[in-house]
């Protein structure tokens, strides 16, 4: 499984997302290498948002190793860390 995090680093949600990711790594032993963190305004971020039809930020997308969609969360309310960790640690 791959976990992709899309957000805008210079937005009102940036601090919340960055704290979430930091805590996810510390509290749930999620290796940073298992997370793909992208600026939604970057070339790669725009492409990923288009492929997975992401309309709200921030967004967390879980895909299979071959890129197939598994699940996602989007919008101001971040998911439970344990839910993201369950996918990120597979």
N, C-alpha and C. Protein backbone atom coordinates (compact mmCIF):
# COMPACT_ATOMS: atom_id res chain seq x y z
N UNK A 1 0.83 -1.18 0.00
CA UNK A 1 0.00 0.00 0.00
C UNK A 1 0.88 1.25 0.00
N UNK A 2 0.37 2.28 -0.64
CA UNK A 2 1.04 3.57 -0.65
C UNK A 2 0.09 4.61 -0.07
N UNK A 3 0.63 5.52 0.70
CA UNK A 3 -0.17 6.59 1.30
C UNK A 3 0.34 7.92 0.77
N UNK A 4 -0.55 8.67 0.13
CA UNK A 4 -0.21 9.96 -0.46
C UNK A 4 -0.91 11.06 0.33
N UNK A 5 -0.16 12.07 0.71
CA UNK A 5 -0.72 13.21 1.44
C UNK A 5 -0.59 14.44 0.54
N UNK A 6 -1.72 15.04 0.22
CA UNK A 6 -1.77 16.25 -0.60
C UNK A 6 -2.23 17.42 0.26
N UNK A 7 -1.44 18.48 0.28
CA UNK A 7 -1.85 19.68 1.03
C UNK A 7 -1.07 20.88 0.52
N UNK A 8 -1.47 22.04 0.97
CA UNK A 8 -0.77 23.28 0.61
C UNK A 8 0.08 23.71 1.81
N UNK A 9 1.40 23.65 1.68
CA UNK A 9 2.28 24.01 2.80
C UNK A 9 2.09 25.44 3.30
N UNK A 10 1.61 26.34 2.47
CA UNK A 10 1.43 27.73 2.89
C UNK A 10 -0.05 28.07 3.04
N UNK A 11 -0.77 27.18 3.71
CA UNK A 11 -2.21 27.40 3.91
C UNK A 11 -2.54 27.39 5.39
N UNK A 12 -3.79 27.71 5.69
CA UNK A 12 -4.23 27.70 7.09
C UNK A 12 -4.26 26.29 7.68
N UNK A 13 -4.25 25.26 6.84
CA UNK A 13 -4.29 23.88 7.32
C UNK A 13 -2.90 23.25 7.44
N UNK A 14 -1.88 23.94 6.97
CA UNK A 14 -0.54 23.37 6.91
C UNK A 14 -0.04 22.90 8.28
N UNK A 15 -0.17 23.74 9.27
CA UNK A 15 0.34 23.38 10.59
C UNK A 15 -0.36 22.14 11.14
N UNK A 16 -1.66 22.06 10.95
CA UNK A 16 -2.44 20.92 11.42
C UNK A 16 -2.01 19.63 10.71
N UNK A 17 -1.81 19.71 9.40
CA UNK A 17 -1.40 18.54 8.62
C UNK A 17 0.01 18.11 9.03
N UNK A 18 0.92 19.05 9.16
CA UNK A 18 2.29 18.73 9.53
C UNK A 18 2.36 18.12 10.93
N UNK A 19 1.57 18.63 11.86
CA UNK A 19 1.52 18.05 13.21
C UNK A 19 0.94 16.64 13.16
N UNK A 20 -0.09 16.44 12.36
CA UNK A 20 -0.70 15.12 12.18
C UNK A 20 0.34 14.13 11.66
N UNK A 21 1.09 14.51 10.65
CA UNK A 21 2.10 13.62 10.07
C UNK A 21 3.22 13.32 11.05
N UNK A 22 3.65 14.33 11.78
CA UNK A 22 4.70 14.15 12.80
C UNK A 22 4.23 13.17 13.88
N UNK A 23 3.01 13.38 14.37
CA UNK A 23 2.46 12.50 15.40
C UNK A 23 2.21 11.09 14.86
N UNK A 24 1.79 10.99 13.62
CA UNK A 24 1.56 9.68 13.00
C UNK A 24 2.86 8.88 12.99
N UNK A 25 3.95 9.53 12.67
CA UNK A 25 5.25 8.86 12.64
C UNK A 25 5.72 8.47 14.03
N UNK A 26 5.51 9.35 15.01
CA UNK A 26 5.98 9.08 16.36
C UNK A 26 5.09 8.09 17.11
N UNK A 27 3.79 8.30 17.08
CA UNK A 27 2.87 7.51 17.89
C UNK A 27 2.55 6.15 17.29
N UNK A 28 2.64 6.03 15.97
CA UNK A 28 2.24 4.78 15.32
C UNK A 28 3.39 4.14 14.55
N UNK A 29 4.61 4.62 14.77
CA UNK A 29 5.79 4.06 14.12
C UNK A 29 5.65 3.95 12.61
N UNK A 30 5.03 4.95 12.01
CA UNK A 30 4.91 4.98 10.56
C UNK A 30 6.18 5.60 10.00
N UNK A 31 6.86 4.86 9.15
CA UNK A 31 8.10 5.33 8.54
C UNK A 31 7.77 6.40 7.50
N UNK A 32 8.52 7.48 7.53
CA UNK A 32 8.27 8.58 6.58
C UNK A 32 8.37 8.10 5.14
N UNK A 33 9.17 7.08 4.90
CA UNK A 33 9.31 6.57 3.53
C UNK A 33 8.03 5.92 3.02
N UNK A 34 7.12 5.56 3.93
CA UNK A 34 5.85 4.96 3.50
C UNK A 34 4.81 6.03 3.16
N UNK A 35 5.17 7.30 3.39
CA UNK A 35 4.27 8.41 3.09
C UNK A 35 4.83 9.22 1.92
N UNK A 36 3.99 9.54 0.99
CA UNK A 36 4.39 10.41 -0.13
C UNK A 36 3.68 11.74 0.11
N UNK A 37 4.44 12.75 0.52
CA UNK A 37 3.88 14.04 0.90
C UNK A 37 4.10 15.02 -0.25
N UNK A 38 2.99 15.55 -0.78
CA UNK A 38 3.06 16.40 -1.96
C UNK A 38 2.37 17.74 -1.74
N UNK A 39 2.96 18.78 -2.28
CA UNK A 39 2.31 20.10 -2.35
C UNK A 39 1.32 20.01 -3.50
N UNK A 40 0.06 20.25 -3.23
CA UNK A 40 -0.97 20.12 -4.25
C UNK A 40 -0.76 21.10 -5.41
N UNK A 41 0.00 22.16 -5.19
CA UNK A 41 0.25 23.13 -6.25
C UNK A 41 1.48 22.80 -7.09
N UNK A 42 2.20 21.74 -6.73
CA UNK A 42 3.35 21.32 -7.53
C UNK A 42 2.85 20.56 -8.76
N UNK A 43 3.71 20.39 -9.73
CA UNK A 43 3.34 19.67 -10.95
C UNK A 43 2.86 18.25 -10.61
N UNK A 44 3.62 17.57 -9.76
CA UNK A 44 3.26 16.21 -9.36
C UNK A 44 1.97 16.19 -8.54
N UNK A 45 1.81 17.16 -7.64
CA UNK A 45 0.61 17.24 -6.82
C UNK A 45 -0.65 17.46 -7.64
N UNK A 46 -0.56 18.33 -8.63
CA UNK A 46 -1.70 18.60 -9.52
C UNK A 46 -2.08 17.32 -10.26
N UNK A 47 -1.08 16.60 -10.74
CA UNK A 47 -1.35 15.36 -11.49
C UNK A 47 -2.00 14.30 -10.60
N UNK A 48 -1.49 14.13 -9.39
CA UNK A 48 -2.08 13.15 -8.46
C UNK A 48 -3.51 13.54 -8.11
N UNK A 49 -3.74 14.81 -7.85
CA UNK A 49 -5.10 15.29 -7.53
C UNK A 49 -6.04 15.02 -8.70
N UNK A 50 -5.56 15.19 -9.92
CA UNK A 50 -6.38 14.94 -11.10
C UNK A 50 -6.68 13.45 -11.25
N UNK A 51 -5.66 12.63 -11.10
CA UNK A 51 -5.83 11.18 -11.26
C UNK A 51 -6.85 10.63 -10.28
N UNK A 52 -6.77 11.06 -9.01
CA UNK A 52 -7.65 10.52 -7.97
C UNK A 52 -8.86 11.43 -7.69
N UNK A 53 -9.08 12.42 -8.54
CA UNK A 53 -10.25 13.28 -8.47
C UNK A 53 -10.41 13.95 -7.10
N UNK A 54 -9.32 14.51 -6.60
CA UNK A 54 -9.32 15.18 -5.30
C UNK A 54 -9.78 16.62 -5.49
N UNK A 55 -10.80 17.01 -4.76
CA UNK A 55 -11.34 18.37 -4.87
C UNK A 55 -11.15 19.19 -3.59
N UNK A 56 -10.99 18.53 -2.45
CA UNK A 56 -10.83 19.22 -1.16
C UNK A 56 -9.44 18.98 -0.61
N UNK A 57 -8.94 19.98 0.11
CA UNK A 57 -7.63 19.86 0.75
C UNK A 57 -7.78 20.05 2.24
N UNK A 58 -6.93 19.44 3.00
CA UNK A 58 -5.92 18.45 2.64
C UNK A 58 -6.58 17.12 2.29
N UNK A 59 -5.80 16.25 1.66
CA UNK A 59 -6.31 14.94 1.28
C UNK A 59 -5.27 13.87 1.56
N UNK A 60 -5.75 12.72 2.00
CA UNK A 60 -4.89 11.56 2.21
C UNK A 60 -5.48 10.45 1.35
N UNK A 61 -4.66 9.89 0.46
CA UNK A 61 -5.11 8.88 -0.48
C UNK A 61 -4.31 7.62 -0.26
N UNK A 62 -4.98 6.49 -0.18
CA UNK A 62 -4.32 5.20 -0.06
C UNK A 62 -4.50 4.47 -1.38
N UNK A 63 -3.39 3.98 -1.93
CA UNK A 63 -3.45 3.22 -3.17
C UNK A 63 -2.76 1.88 -2.99
N UNK A 64 -3.08 0.96 -3.87
CA UNK A 64 -2.35 -0.31 -3.89
C UNK A 64 -0.96 -0.01 -4.47
N UNK A 65 -0.07 -0.97 -4.40
CA UNK A 65 1.29 -0.74 -4.89
C UNK A 65 1.32 -0.42 -6.38
N UNK A 66 0.32 -0.86 -7.13
CA UNK A 66 0.28 -0.57 -8.56
C UNK A 66 -0.51 0.71 -8.88
N UNK A 67 -0.92 1.46 -7.85
CA UNK A 67 -1.59 2.74 -8.06
C UNK A 67 -3.10 2.70 -8.04
N UNK A 68 -3.69 1.53 -7.85
CA UNK A 68 -5.15 1.42 -7.78
C UNK A 68 -5.69 2.07 -6.51
N UNK A 69 -6.80 2.76 -6.66
CA UNK A 69 -7.43 3.45 -5.53
C UNK A 69 -7.91 2.45 -4.48
N UNK A 70 -7.62 2.73 -3.20
CA UNK A 70 -8.11 1.92 -2.09
C UNK A 70 -9.10 2.73 -1.25
N UNK A 71 -8.67 3.88 -0.74
CA UNK A 71 -9.57 4.76 0.01
C UNK A 71 -8.93 6.14 0.14
N UNK A 72 -9.71 7.10 0.61
CA UNK A 72 -9.17 8.45 0.80
C UNK A 72 -9.98 9.22 1.83
N UNK A 73 -9.38 10.27 2.32
CA UNK A 73 -10.03 11.23 3.21
C UNK A 73 -9.68 12.61 2.67
N UNK A 74 -10.63 13.52 2.68
CA UNK A 74 -10.36 14.86 2.17
C UNK A 74 -11.17 15.89 2.94
N UNK A 75 -10.60 17.07 3.08
CA UNK A 75 -11.27 18.16 3.77
C UNK A 75 -10.59 18.49 5.08
N UNK A 76 -11.13 19.46 5.76
CA UNK A 76 -10.52 19.98 6.99
C UNK A 76 -10.42 18.95 8.11
N UNK A 77 -11.39 18.05 8.22
CA UNK A 77 -11.36 17.03 9.27
C UNK A 77 -10.41 15.91 8.87
N UNK A 78 -9.30 15.80 9.56
CA UNK A 78 -8.34 14.74 9.27
C UNK A 78 -8.86 13.42 9.84
N UNK A 79 -8.48 12.30 9.23
CA UNK A 79 -8.94 11.00 9.72
C UNK A 79 -8.26 10.63 11.04
N UNK A 80 -8.70 9.55 11.64
CA UNK A 80 -8.02 9.04 12.83
C UNK A 80 -6.66 8.52 12.42
N UNK A 81 -5.66 8.79 13.25
CA UNK A 81 -4.31 8.34 12.94
C UNK A 81 -4.23 6.83 12.80
N UNK A 82 -4.95 6.12 13.63
CA UNK A 82 -4.88 4.66 13.58
C UNK A 82 -5.41 4.12 12.25
N UNK A 83 -6.37 4.82 11.64
CA UNK A 83 -6.88 4.39 10.34
C UNK A 83 -5.83 4.56 9.25
N UNK A 84 -5.15 5.70 9.26
CA UNK A 84 -4.10 5.94 8.28
C UNK A 84 -2.93 4.99 8.54
N UNK A 85 -2.55 4.81 9.80
CA UNK A 85 -1.44 3.94 10.15
C UNK A 85 -1.69 2.51 9.71
N UNK A 86 -2.91 2.04 9.81
CA UNK A 86 -3.24 0.68 9.41
C UNK A 86 -2.90 0.44 7.94
N UNK A 87 -3.15 1.43 7.10
CA UNK A 87 -2.82 1.31 5.68
C UNK A 87 -1.34 1.55 5.43
N UNK A 88 -0.77 2.55 6.09
CA UNK A 88 0.63 2.93 5.85
C UNK A 88 1.60 1.85 6.28
N UNK A 89 1.22 1.01 7.23
CA UNK A 89 2.13 -0.01 7.74
C UNK A 89 1.99 -1.35 7.02
N UNK A 90 1.14 -1.42 6.02
CA UNK A 90 0.97 -2.68 5.27
C UNK A 90 2.06 -2.85 4.26
